[in-house]
Amino acid sequence: MARTALAIVASRKRALRTGLRRRHHGRMPSPDTPVPSPSAPASAPVGASRHYVAETRAFFASRAATWDTRFGDDMPAYAAAVVRAGIRRGGVVIDVGCGTGRALPALRQAVGPDGAVIAADLTPEMLAQARPQAAAARAALVLGDARRLPFADGSADAFFAAGLVNHLPDPQAGLAELARVTRPAGLLILFHPSGRAALAARHGRTLTQDEPLSAGPLARSTLATGWRLTVYDDAADHFFALAVRCESQRAAHLGAERYAFLAVISVLA
């Protein structure tokens, strides 16, 4: 059994390396060398894709150097979320939208020395800030778009996504791409160190029930993209949702029905 598990992990690592080499002229990147961003998917309007990429990079590039000064004390919350998720030891985990790499030490601790940790972000300046954490965690840095990742189908055991979904122009399409890369029974961890209500108040807006991370919409979008939502915790001081990659659409449907029901109860309460 142990040999079989090691063989599976080795196979997934080879698949990840193959995809990364193709994006990096035949060589594996070091933690200090971001992989070039993949092109936009053919189905996406080119203008809309460029608009999203340019705006996202402009927003985060100007804030990258001071990001940890403002939010660096959130690292214990990231570590707690990783522990709570129960990522399989020895597996392949991808921190998508990794920012300055605050989750990387905890992700390395979760998968252990034989696992693989990859940090992906759309903004080069954020990846530059993530280099120290990536080097310490032995994580590869990948410059890429969460809507089209340079990884093989079913090659990851888990995705950690902190604050990603609300930044995507089409959250459901983003969840579908993460599902493509995740093996059956793999994990999707959606996290933020602030609850949705606190985050909305910080930005001066009113929280609504039709937002992508509201219980009902998230249940429906995970269902539609092949995930089964198993944990939904929107507390005052954090947001944590856990979904499992389904082997069948029926399993996803059962999970979505449960959380749609909970969403109705929360509205009526």
C-alpha atoms as a PDB file:
ATOM      1  CA  MET A   1       0.000   0.000   0.000  1.00  0.00           C
ATOM      2  CA  ALA A   2       2.802   2.419   0.898  1.00  0.00           C
ATOM      3  CA  ARG A   3       4.562   1.749  -2.405  1.00  0.00           C
ATOM      4  CA  THR A   4       1.317   2.295  -4.315  1.00  0.00           C
ATOM      5  CA  ALA A   5       0.701   5.642  -2.570  1.00  0.00           C
ATOM      6  CA  LEU A   6       4.251   6.807  -3.282  1.00  0.00           C
ATOM      7  CA  ALA A   7       3.881   5.775  -6.921  1.00  0.00           C
ATOM      8  CA  ILE A   8       0.688   7.818  -7.255  1.00  0.00           C
ATOM      9  CA  VAL A   9       2.309  10.913  -5.763  1.00  0.00           C
ATOM     10  CA  ALA A  10       5.350  10.479  -7.990  1.00  0.00           C
ATOM     11  CA  SER A  11       3.085  10.185 -11.033  1.00  0.00           C
ATOM     12  CA  ARG A  12       1.268  13.417 -10.143  1.00  0.00           C
ATOM     13  CA  LYS A  13       4.574  15.209  -9.592  1.00  0.00           C
ATOM     14  CA  ARG A  14       5.732  14.070 -13.048  1.00  0.00           C
ATOM     15  CA  ALA A  15       2.496  15.384 -14.584  1.00  0.00           C
ATOM     16  CA  LEU A  16       2.993  18.753 -12.885  1.00  0.00           C
ATOM     17  CA  ARG A  17       6.633  18.894 -13.961  1.00  0.00           C
ATOM     18  CA  THR A  18       5.683  18.067 -17.555  1.00  0.00           C
ATOM     19  CA  GLY A  19       3.191  20.921 -17.665  1.00  0.00           C
ATOM     20  CA  LEU A  20       5.648  23.336 -16.062  1.00  0.00           C
ATOM     21  CA  ARG A  21       8.485  22.363 -18.407  1.00  0.00           C
ATOM     22  CA  ARG A  22       6.283  23.026 -21.413  1.00  0.00           C
ATOM     23  CA  ARG A  23       5.670  26.534 -20.040  1.00  0.00           C
ATOM     24  CA  HIS A  24       9.346  27.027 -19.155  1.00  0.00           C
ATOM     25  CA  HIS A  25      11.329  25.961 -22.233  1.00  0.00           C
ATOM     26  CA  GLY A  26      12.040  22.431 -21.067  1.00  0.00           C
ATOM     27  CA  ARG A  27      13.413  23.236 -17.594  1.00  0.00           C
ATOM     28  CA  MET A  28      11.831  23.090 -14.162  1.00  0.00           C
ATOM     29  CA  PRO A  29      11.634  26.512 -12.457  1.00  0.00           C
ATOM     30  CA  SER A  30      13.370  27.247  -9.203  1.00  0.00           C
ATOM     31  CA  PRO A  31      11.388  28.917  -6.389  1.00  0.00           C
ATOM     32  CA  ASP A  32      12.938  32.244  -7.465  1.00  0.00           C
ATOM     33  CA  THR A  33      11.878  31.939 -11.113  1.00  0.00           C
ATOM     34  CA  PRO A  34       8.170  32.387 -11.902  1.00  0.00           C
ATOM     35  CA  VAL A  35       6.778  30.407 -14.804  1.00  0.00           C
ATOM     36  CA  PRO A  36       5.372  32.552 -17.655  1.00  0.00           C
ATOM     37  CA  SER A  37       1.627  33.069 -17.578  1.00  0.00           C
ATOM     38  CA  PRO A  38      -0.462  30.794 -19.829  1.00  0.00           C
ATOM     39  CA  SER A  39      -2.566  32.366 -22.536  1.00  0.00           C
ATOM     40  CA  ALA A  40      -6.282  32.968 -22.109  1.00  0.00           C
ATOM     41  CA  PRO A  41      -8.649  30.080 -22.928  1.00  0.00           C
ATOM     42  CA  ALA A  42      -9.990  30.063 -26.462  1.00  0.00           C
ATOM     43  CA  SER A  43     -13.564  30.381 -25.211  1.00  0.00           C
ATOM     44  CA  ALA A  44     -12.881  33.628 -23.357  1.00  0.00           C
ATOM     45  CA  PRO A  45     -13.274  36.941 -25.206  1.00  0.00           C
ATOM     46  CA  VAL A  46      -9.741  38.243 -25.714  1.00  0.00           C
ATOM     47  CA  GLY A  47     -10.615  41.807 -24.776  1.00  0.00           C
ATOM     48  CA  ALA A  48     -12.364  40.790 -21.569  1.00  0.00           C
ATOM     49  CA  SER A  49      -9.482  38.525 -20.594  1.00  0.00           C
ATOM     50  CA  ARG A  50      -6.872  41.230 -21.109  1.00  0.00           C
ATOM     51  CA  HIS A  51      -9.003  43.707 -19.199  1.00  0.00           C
ATOM     52  CA  TYR A  52      -9.228  41.373 -16.202  1.00  0.00           C
ATOM     53  CA  VAL A  53      -5.532  40.531 -16.204  1.00  0.00           C
ATOM     54  CA  ALA A  54      -4.434  44.154 -16.567  1.00  0.00           C
ATOM     55  CA  GLU A  55      -6.740  45.443 -13.833  1.00  0.00           C
ATOM     56  CA  THR A  56      -5.851  42.652 -11.415  1.00  0.00           C
ATOM     57  CA  ARG A  57      -2.128  43.149 -11.896  1.00  0.00           C
ATOM     58  CA  ALA A  58      -2.415  46.919 -11.565  1.00  0.00           C
ATOM     59  CA  PHE A  59      -4.343  46.597  -8.296  1.00  0.00           C
ATOM     60  CA  PHE A  60      -2.034  44.086  -6.612  1.00  0.00           C
ATOM     61  CA  ALA A  61       1.274  45.273  -8.077  1.00  0.00           C
ATOM     62  CA  SER A  62       0.973  48.649  -6.360  1.00  0.00           C
ATOM     63  CA  ARG A  63       0.219  46.950  -3.015  1.00  0.00           C
ATOM     64  CA  ALA A  64       2.591  43.979  -3.091  1.00  0.00           C
ATOM     65  CA  ALA A  65       5.533  45.588  -1.286  1.00  0.00           C
ATOM     66  CA  THR A  66       3.433  46.637   1.718  1.00  0.00           C
ATOM     67  CA  TRP A  67       0.970  43.743   1.755  1.00  0.00           C
ATOM     68  CA  ASP A  68       2.605  41.842   4.600  1.00  0.00           C
ATOM     69  CA  THR A  69       3.069  45.055   6.573  1.00  0.00           C
ATOM     70  CA  ARG A  70      -0.705  45.458   6.525  1.00  0.00           C
ATOM     71  CA  PHE A  71      -1.787  41.833   6.764  1.00  0.00           C
ATOM     72  CA  GLY A  72       1.233  39.788   7.873  1.00  0.00           C
ATOM     73  CA  ASP A  73      -0.270  39.001  11.269  1.00  0.00           C
ATOM     74  CA  ASP A  74      -2.848  36.805   9.485  1.00  0.00           C
ATOM     75  CA  MET A  75      -0.372  33.918   9.099  1.00  0.00           C
ATOM     76  CA  PRO A  76      -1.627  32.006  12.179  1.00  0.00           C
ATOM     77  CA  ALA A  77      -5.141  32.116  10.717  1.00  0.00           C
ATOM     78  CA  TYR A  78      -3.823  30.686   7.433  1.00  0.00           C
ATOM     79  CA  ALA A  79      -2.023  27.932   9.314  1.00  0.00           C
ATOM     80  CA  ALA A  80      -5.184  27.065  11.270  1.00  0.00           C
ATOM     81  CA  ALA A  81      -7.200  26.837   8.041  1.00  0.00           C
ATOM     82  CA  VAL A  82      -4.659  24.482   6.468  1.00  0.00           C
ATOM     83  CA  VAL A  83      -4.691  22.222   9.541  1.00  0.00           C
ATOM     84  CA  ARG A  84      -8.483  22.243   9.585  1.00  0.00           C
ATOM     85  CA  ALA A  85      -8.678  21.187   5.939  1.00  0.00           C
ATOM     86  CA  GLY A  86      -6.836  17.914   6.539  1.00  0.00           C
ATOM     87  CA  ILE A  87      -4.698  17.919   3.385  1.00  0.00           C
ATOM     88  CA  ARG A  88      -3.256  14.489   2.662  1.00  0.00           C
ATOM     89  CA  ARG A  89       0.366  14.033   3.675  1.00  0.00           C
ATOM     90  CA  GLY A  90       2.668  13.322   0.747  1.00  0.00           C
ATOM     91  CA  GLY A  91       0.277  14.900  -1.762  1.00  0.00           C
ATOM     92  CA  VAL A  92       0.433  17.737  -4.270  1.00  0.00           C
ATOM     93  CA  VAL A  93      -1.078  21.035  -3.097  1.00  0.00           C
ATOM     94  CA  ILE A  94      -1.431  24.244  -5.092  1.00  0.00           C
ATOM     95  CA  ASP A  95      -1.900  27.651  -3.468  1.00  0.00           C
ATOM     96  CA  VAL A  96      -3.773  29.491  -6.216  1.00  0.00           C
ATOM     97  CA  GLY A  97      -3.788  33.269  -5.853  1.00  0.00           C
ATOM     98  CA  CYS A  98      -0.959  32.792  -3.366  1.00  0.00           C
ATOM     99  CA  GLY A  99      -0.136  36.487  -2.953  1.00  0.00           C
ATOM    100  CA  THR A 100       2.917  36.898  -0.740  1.00  0.00           C
ATOM    101  CA  GLY A 101       2.911  33.231   0.222  1.00  0.00           C
ATOM    102  CA  ARG A 102       1.429  33.393   3.697  1.00  0.00           C
ATOM    103  CA  ALA A 103      -0.005  29.862   3.437  1.00  0.00           C
ATOM    104  CA  LEU A 104       3.145  28.211   2.097  1.00  0.00           C
ATOM    105  CA  PRO A 105       4.821  27.237   5.406  1.00  0.00           C
ATOM    106  CA  ALA A 106       1.624  25.580   6.629  1.00  0.00           C
ATOM    107  CA  LEU A 107       1.059  23.826   3.299  1.00  0.00           C
ATOM    108  CA  ARG A 108       4.579  22.386   3.392  1.00  0.00           C
ATOM    109  CA  GLN A 109       3.957  21.216   6.939  1.00  0.00           C
ATOM    110  CA  ALA A 110       0.710  19.584   5.807  1.00  0.00           C
ATOM    111  CA  VAL A 111       2.129  17.582   2.885  1.00  0.00           C
ATOM    112  CA  GLY A 112       5.457  16.843   4.558  1.00  0.00           C
ATOM    113  CA  PRO A 113       8.882  16.491   2.941  1.00  0.00           C
ATOM    114  CA  ASP A 114       7.676  14.045   0.276  1.00  0.00           C
ATOM    115  CA  GLY A 115       4.795  16.215  -0.930  1.00  0.00           C
ATOM    116  CA  ALA A 116       4.835  19.014  -3.497  1.00  0.00           C
ATOM    117  CA  VAL A 117       3.837  22.642  -2.902  1.00  0.00           C
ATOM    118  CA  ILE A 118       3.167  25.041  -5.764  1.00  0.00           C
ATOM    119  CA  ALA A 119       2.363  28.743  -5.415  1.00  0.00           C
ATOM    120  CA  ALA A 120       0.516  30.352  -8.336  1.00  0.00           C
ATOM    121  CA  ASP A 121      -0.415  33.994  -8.790  1.00  0.00           C
ATOM    122  CA  LEU A 122      -1.322  36.336 -11.630  1.00  0.00           C
ATOM    123  CA  THR A 123       0.814  39.265 -10.430  1.00  0.00           C
ATOM    124  CA  PRO A 124       4.627  39.148 -10.804  1.00  0.00           C
ATOM    125  CA  GLU A 125       5.139  41.629  -7.972  1.00  0.00           C
ATOM    126  CA  MET A 126       3.221  39.384  -5.570  1.00  0.00           C
ATOM    127  CA  LEU A 127       5.342  36.394  -6.552  1.00  0.00           C
ATOM    128  CA  ALA A 128       8.469  38.471  -5.973  1.00  0.00           C
ATOM    129  CA  GLN A 129       7.306  39.116  -2.429  1.00  0.00           C
ATOM    130  CA  ALA A 130       6.513  35.399  -2.023  1.00  0.00           C
ATOM    131  CA  ARG A 131      10.066  34.253  -2.839  1.00  0.00           C
ATOM    132  CA  PRO A 132      11.344  34.033   0.771  1.00  0.00           C
ATOM    133  CA  GLN A 133       8.340  31.975   1.881  1.00  0.00           C
ATOM    134  CA  ALA A 134       8.566  29.822  -1.244  1.00  0.00           C
ATOM    135  CA  ALA A 135      12.253  29.124  -0.724  1.00  0.00           C
ATOM    136  CA  ALA A 136      11.701  28.162   2.919  1.00  0.00           C
ATOM    137  CA  ALA A 137       8.770  25.912   1.989  1.00  0.00           C
ATOM    138  CA  ARG A 138      10.503  24.467  -1.089  1.00  0.00           C
ATOM    139  CA  ALA A 139       7.568  25.635  -3.205  1.00  0.00           C
ATOM    140  CA  ALA A 140       7.691  26.313  -6.944  1.00  0.00           C
ATOM    141  CA  LEU A 141       6.433  29.726  -8.049  1.00  0.00           C
ATOM    142  CA  VAL A 142       4.100  29.804 -11.044  1.00  0.00           C
ATOM    143  CA  LEU A 143       2.999  32.995 -12.795  1.00  0.00           C
ATOM    144  CA  GLY A 144      -0.405  32.059 -14.136  1.00  0.00           C
ATOM    145  CA  ASP A 145      -4.110  32.734 -14.492  1.00  0.00           C
ATOM    146  CA  ALA A 146      -6.433  30.710 -12.237  1.00  0.00           C
ATOM    147  CA  ARG A 147      -8.858  30.473 -15.155  1.00  0.00           C
ATOM    148  CA  ARG A 148      -6.381  28.394 -17.173  1.00  0.00           C
ATOM    149  CA  LEU A 149      -3.689  26.699 -15.157  1.00  0.00           C
ATOM    150  CA  PRO A 150      -0.631  25.000 -16.719  1.00  0.00           C
ATOM    151  CA  PHE A 151      -1.224  21.695 -14.933  1.00  0.00           C
ATOM    152  CA  ALA A 152      -2.428  18.312 -16.132  1.00  0.00           C
ATOM    153  CA  ASP A 153      -5.921  16.989 -15.440  1.00  0.00           C
ATOM    154  CA  GLY A 154      -6.225  15.326 -12.033  1.00  0.00           C
ATOM    155  CA  SER A 155      -2.648  16.138 -11.019  1.00  0.00           C
ATOM    156  CA  ALA A 156      -3.338  17.928  -7.697  1.00  0.00           C
ATOM    157  CA  ASP A 157      -4.547  16.556  -4.382  1.00  0.00           C
ATOM    158  CA  ALA A 158      -5.682  19.919  -3.017  1.00  0.00           C
ATOM    159  CA  PHE A 159      -6.145  23.591  -3.869  1.00  0.00           C
ATOM    160  CA  PHE A 160      -5.861  26.327  -1.280  1.00  0.00           C
ATOM    161  CA  ALA A 161      -7.558  29.534  -2.460  1.00  0.00           C
ATOM    162  CA  ALA A 162      -7.551  32.541  -0.126  1.00  0.00           C
ATOM    163  CA  GLY A 163      -9.574  35.506  -1.329  1.00  0.00           C
ATOM    164  CA  LEU A 164      -9.559  34.259  -4.923  1.00  0.00           C
ATOM    165  CA  VAL A 165     -13.157  33.593  -5.919  1.00  0.00           C
ATOM    166  CA  ASN A 166     -14.505  37.135  -5.532  1.00  0.00           C
ATOM    167  CA  HIS A 167     -11.738  38.459  -7.796  1.00  0.00           C
ATOM    168  CA  LEU A 168     -12.620  36.193 -10.728  1.00  0.00           C
ATOM    169  CA  PRO A 169     -14.843  37.637 -13.478  1.00  0.00           C
ATOM    170  CA  ASP A 170     -16.605  34.261 -13.727  1.00  0.00           C
ATOM    171  CA  PRO A 171     -16.293  32.397 -10.384  1.00  0.00           C
ATOM    172  CA  GLN A 172     -18.018  29.275 -11.686  1.00  0.00           C
ATOM    173  CA  ALA A 173     -15.577  28.993 -14.592  1.00  0.00           C
ATOM    174  CA  GLY A 174     -12.732  29.356 -12.109  1.00  0.00           C
ATOM    175  CA  LEU A 175     -14.111  26.564  -9.920  1.00  0.00           C
ATOM    176  CA  ALA A 176     -14.418  24.380 -13.012  1.00  0.00           C
ATOM    177  CA  GLU A 177     -10.753  24.925 -13.852  1.00  0.00           C
ATOM    178  CA  LEU A 178      -9.697  24.011 -10.311  1.00  0.00           C
ATOM    179  CA  ALA A 179     -11.867  20.879 -10.590  1.00  0.00           C
ATOM    180  CA  ARG A 180     -10.146  19.921 -13.834  1.00  0.00           C
ATOM    181  CA  VAL A 181      -6.743  19.885 -12.145  1.00  0.00           C
ATOM    182  CA  THR A 182      -7.929  18.098  -8.979  1.00  0.00           C
ATOM    183  CA  ARG A 183      -8.104  14.323  -8.652  1.00  0.00           C
ATOM    184  CA  PRO A 184     -11.356  12.654  -7.483  1.00  0.00           C
ATOM    185  CA  ALA A 185     -11.707  13.040  -3.693  1.00  0.00           C
ATOM    186  CA  GLY A 186      -9.210  15.910  -3.760  1.00  0.00           C
ATOM    187  CA  LEU A 187      -9.867  19.058  -1.744  1.00  0.00           C
ATOM    188  CA  LEU A 188     -10.724  22.678  -2.415  1.00  0.00           C
ATOM    189  CA  ILE A 189     -10.128  25.021   0.524  1.00  0.00           C
ATOM    190  CA  LEU A 190     -11.680  28.491   0.200  1.00  0.00           C
ATOM    191  CA  PHE A 191     -10.463  30.817   2.924  1.00  0.00           C
ATOM    192  CA  HIS A 192     -10.280  34.414   4.078  1.00  0.00           C
ATOM    193  CA  PRO A 193      -8.939  35.659   7.428  1.00  0.00           C
ATOM    194  CA  SER A 194     -12.025  37.882   7.758  1.00  0.00           C
ATOM    195  CA  GLY A 195     -15.667  36.833   7.673  1.00  0.00           C
ATOM    196  CA  ARG A 196     -17.765  38.040   4.745  1.00  0.00           C
ATOM    197  CA  ALA A 197     -19.682  40.593   6.824  1.00  0.00           C
ATOM    198  CA  ALA A 198     -16.494  42.089   8.266  1.00  0.00           C
ATOM    199  CA  LEU A 199     -14.894  42.233   4.835  1.00  0.00           C
ATOM    200  CA  ALA A 200     -17.940  43.933   3.320  1.00  0.00           C
ATOM    201  CA  ALA A 201     -17.948  46.505   6.127  1.00  0.00           C
ATOM    202  CA  ARG A 202     -14.233  47.168   5.570  1.00  0.00           C
ATOM    203  CA  HIS A 203     -14.976  48.012   1.941  1.00  0.00           C
ATOM    204  CA  GLY A 204     -18.063  50.074   2.773  1.00  0.00           C
ATOM    205  CA  ARG A 205     -20.626  47.858   1.097  1.00  0.00           C
ATOM    206  CA  THR A 206     -23.672  45.869   2.152  1.00  0.00           C
ATOM    207  CA  LEU A 207     -23.459  42.091   2.185  1.00  0.00           C
ATOM    208  CA  THR A 208     -25.987  40.360  -0.087  1.00  0.00           C
ATOM    209  CA  GLN A 209     -27.173  36.771  -0.362  1.00  0.00           C
ATOM    210  CA  ASP A 210     -26.437  36.485  -4.092  1.00  0.00           C
ATOM    211  CA  GLU A 211     -22.669  36.933  -3.838  1.00  0.00           C
ATOM    212  CA  PRO A 212     -20.440  34.074  -5.072  1.00  0.00           C
ATOM    213  CA  LEU A 213     -19.423  33.032  -1.545  1.00  0.00           C
ATOM    214  CA  SER A 214     -22.918  33.157  -0.030  1.00  0.00           C
ATOM    215  CA  ALA A 215     -24.020  29.690   1.036  1.00  0.00           C
ATOM    216  CA  GLY A 216     -26.634  29.166  -1.679  1.00  0.00           C
ATOM    217  CA  PRO A 217     -24.656  30.459  -4.673  1.00  0.00           C
ATOM    218  CA  LEU A 218     -21.515  28.625  -3.554  1.00  0.00           C
ATOM    219  CA  ALA A 219     -23.472  25.382  -3.163  1.00  0.00           C
ATOM    220  CA  ARG A 220     -24.863  25.769  -6.681  1.00  0.00           C
ATOM    221  CA  SER A 221     -21.548  26.705  -8.294  1.00  0.00           C
ATOM    222  CA  THR A 222     -19.676  23.857  -6.632  1.00  0.00           C
ATOM    223  CA  LEU A 223     -22.413  21.446  -7.707  1.00  0.00           C
ATOM    224  CA  ALA A 224     -22.217  22.661 -11.287  1.00  0.00           C
ATOM    225  CA  THR A 225     -18.440  22.239 -11.452  1.00  0.00           C
ATOM    226  CA  GLY A 226     -18.023  18.806  -9.882  1.00  0.00           C
ATOM    227  CA  TRP A 227     -17.435  19.584  -6.208  1.00  0.00           C
ATOM    228  CA  ARG A 228     -19.325  18.502  -3.067  1.00  0.00           C
ATOM    229  CA  LEU A 229     -19.429  21.246  -0.454  1.00  0.00           C
ATOM    230  CA  THR A 230     -18.823  19.647   2.961  1.00  0.00           C
ATOM    231  CA  VAL A 231     -18.025  22.608   5.237  1.00  0.00           C
ATOM    232  CA  TYR A 232     -19.354  26.173   5.144  1.00  0.00           C
ATOM    233  CA  ASP A 233     -18.230  28.434   7.993  1.00  0.00           C
ATOM    234  CA  ASP A 234     -18.747  32.177   7.597  1.00  0.00           C
ATOM    235  CA  ALA A 235     -17.711  33.410  11.047  1.00  0.00           C
ATOM    236  CA  ALA A 236     -17.003  36.936  12.232  1.00  0.00           C
ATOM    237  CA  ASP A 237     -13.234  36.467  12.098  1.00  0.00           C
ATOM    238  CA  HIS A 238     -12.807  34.080   9.155  1.00  0.00           C
ATOM    239  CA  PHE A 239     -14.393  32.457   6.134  1.00  0.00           C
ATOM    240  CA  PHE A 240     -13.724  28.763   5.569  1.00  0.00           C
ATOM    241  CA  ALA A 241     -15.360  26.470   3.045  1.00  0.00           C
ATOM    242  CA  LEU A 242     -14.247  22.976   2.114  1.00  0.00           C
ATOM    243  CA  ALA A 243     -15.310  21.052  -0.970  1.00  0.00           C
ATOM    244  CA  VAL A 244     -14.400  17.569  -2.173  1.00  0.00           C
ATOM    245  CA  ARG A 245     -13.883  16.708  -5.833  1.00  0.00           C
ATOM    246  CA  CYS A 246     -16.674  14.349  -6.844  1.00  0.00           C
ATOM    247  CA  GLU A 247     -16.380  11.157  -8.813  1.00  0.00           C
ATOM    248  CA  SER A 248     -19.980  11.568  -9.964  1.00  0.00           C
ATOM    249  CA  GLN A 249     -22.448  14.400 -10.505  1.00  0.00           C
ATOM    250  CA  ARG A 250     -24.921  12.617  -8.204  1.00  0.00           C
ATOM    251  CA  ALA A 251     -22.567  12.966  -5.223  1.00  0.00           C
ATOM    252  CA  ALA A 252     -22.127  16.660  -5.925  1.00  0.00           C
ATOM    253  CA  HIS A 253     -25.906  17.111  -6.195  1.00  0.00           C
ATOM    254  CA  LEU A 254     -26.510  15.629  -2.741  1.00  0.00           C
ATOM    255  CA  GLY A 255     -23.971  17.981  -1.173  1.00  0.00           C
ATOM    256  CA  ALA A 256     -25.443  21.004  -2.912  1.00  0.00           C
ATOM    257  CA  GLU A 257     -28.985  20.154  -1.754  1.00  0.00           C
ATOM    258  CA  ARG A 258     -27.761  20.079   1.846  1.00  0.00           C
ATOM    259  CA  TYR A 259     -26.117  23.497   1.694  1.00  0.00           C
ATOM    260  CA  ALA A 260     -28.928  25.103  -0.281  1.00  0.00           C
ATOM    261  CA  PHE A 261     -31.235  24.012   2.543  1.00  0.00           C
ATOM    262  CA  LEU A 262     -28.887  25.500   5.150  1.00  0.00           C
ATOM    263  CA  ALA A 263     -28.768  28.736   3.190  1.00  0.00           C
ATOM    264  CA  VAL A 264     -32.565  29.017   3.315  1.00  0.00           C
ATOM    265  CA  ILE A 265     -32.556  28.372   7.070  1.00  0.00           C
ATOM    266  CA  SER A 266     -29.909  31.072   7.624  1.00  0.00           C
ATOM    267  CA  VAL A 267     -31.968  33.618   5.706  1.00  0.00           C
ATOM    268  CA  LEU A 268     -35.117  32.813   7.679  1.00  0.00           C
ATOM    269  CA  ALA A 269     -33.340  32.843  11.044  1.00  0.00           C
END
